[in-house]
Amino acid sequence: MMIKPLPILAFCLTTALMLQGCVAGAVVGAGAAVVGGAAKVTGAAVGAGFDAVTTSDEETRAKREREQRAWEREQRRCEQRQKRGKDC
């Protein structure tokens, strides 16, 4: 059975409009690849595209911890400057 590109493209574009930010770009990119190759979209292909644009909880936590350490470091530097009579 041959998949017609136009309905698939319309579906992908409609879906992309309902999604936000970079997830929409990944869906449109995956849709274009499917239409270009006239292949079936599988859950694995869509899942891989979604995983490529999402951030894991561990990555988010690590980023927050780095930002917190940087903020604390800047606060310590500011306190040291104030002790010497300087502005932050």
Protein backbone atom coordinates (compact mmCIF):
# COMPACT_ATOMS: atom_id res chain seq x y z
CA MET A 1 0.00 0.00 0.00
CA MET A 2 1.44 3.37 -1.03
CA ILE A 3 1.14 6.22 1.44
CA LYS A 4 0.13 9.52 -0.15
CA PRO A 5 2.42 12.39 0.88
CA LEU A 6 -0.18 15.18 0.98
CA PRO A 7 -2.39 13.80 3.79
CA ILE A 8 0.68 12.91 5.85
CA LEU A 9 2.16 16.37 5.35
CA ALA A 10 -1.14 18.01 6.30
CA PHE A 11 -1.37 15.85 9.43
CA CYS A 12 2.22 16.65 10.44
CA LEU A 13 1.78 20.38 9.93
CA THR A 14 -1.49 20.41 11.86
CA THR A 15 0.11 18.48 14.70
CA ALA A 16 3.14 20.80 14.66
CA LEU A 17 0.90 23.83 15.13
CA MET A 18 -0.53 22.29 18.28
CA LEU A 19 2.88 21.65 19.83
CA GLN A 20 5.29 24.14 21.36
CA GLY A 21 8.85 25.26 20.66
CA CYS A 22 11.50 22.80 19.65
CA VAL A 23 9.17 19.81 19.92
CA ALA A 24 7.23 21.22 16.97
CA GLY A 25 10.43 21.49 14.94
CA ALA A 26 11.26 17.87 15.63
CA VAL A 27 7.79 16.70 14.62
CA VAL A 28 7.87 18.72 11.41
CA GLY A 29 11.35 17.37 10.65
CA ALA A 30 10.22 13.81 11.28
CA GLY A 31 7.11 14.43 9.16
CA ALA A 32 9.20 15.76 6.28
CA ALA A 33 11.43 12.69 6.43
CA VAL A 34 8.40 10.42 6.36
CA VAL A 35 6.77 12.25 3.44
CA GLY A 36 10.04 12.40 1.50
CA GLY A 37 10.59 8.69 1.82
CA ALA A 38 6.92 7.71 1.57
CA ALA A 39 7.43 5.44 4.57
CA LYS A 40 5.21 4.64 7.52
CA VAL A 41 5.66 6.62 10.73
CA THR A 42 6.43 4.26 13.55
CA GLY A 43 6.27 4.87 17.26
CA ALA A 44 10.03 4.32 17.48
CA ALA A 45 10.80 7.08 14.97
CA VAL A 46 8.51 9.57 16.65
CA GLY A 47 9.81 8.57 20.09
CA ALA A 48 13.42 9.03 19.01
CA GLY A 49 12.66 12.50 17.66
CA PHE A 50 10.90 13.44 20.88
CA ASP A 51 13.77 12.13 23.03
CA ALA A 52 16.24 14.17 21.01
CA VAL A 53 14.56 17.45 21.98
CA THR A 54 13.58 16.80 25.60
CA THR A 55 15.68 17.37 28.70
CA SER A 56 15.88 14.65 31.30
CA ASP A 57 15.14 15.31 34.95
CA GLU A 58 18.77 14.57 35.77
CA GLU A 59 20.04 17.14 33.27
CA THR A 60 17.60 19.73 34.60
CA ARG A 61 18.67 19.06 38.20
CA ALA A 62 22.37 19.27 37.29
CA LYS A 63 21.83 22.60 35.53
CA ARG A 64 19.94 23.99 38.52
CA GLU A 65 22.76 22.89 40.86
CA ARG A 66 25.40 24.55 38.64
CA GLU A 67 23.39 27.76 38.57
CA GLN A 68 22.94 27.66 42.36
CA ARG A 69 26.69 27.18 42.92
CA ALA A 70 27.48 30.07 40.56
CA TRP A 71 24.99 32.32 42.38
CA GLU A 72 26.46 31.39 45.79
CA ARG A 73 30.00 32.00 44.49
CA GLU A 74 28.98 35.46 43.26
CA GLN A 75 27.34 36.23 46.62
CA ARG A 76 30.56 35.32 48.46
CA ARG A 77 32.59 37.53 46.13
CA CYS A 78 30.16 40.39 46.67
CA GLU A 79 30.40 40.02 50.46
CA GLN A 80 34.21 40.09 50.24
CA ARG A 81 34.13 43.25 48.12
CA GLN A 82 31.73 44.91 50.59
CA LYS A 83 34.09 44.08 53.49
CA ARG A 84 36.81 45.96 51.61
CA GLY A 85 34.48 48.93 51.16
CA LYS A 86 33.80 48.34 47.46
CA ASP A 87 30.54 48.02 45.56
CA CYS A 88 29.38 44.67 44.14
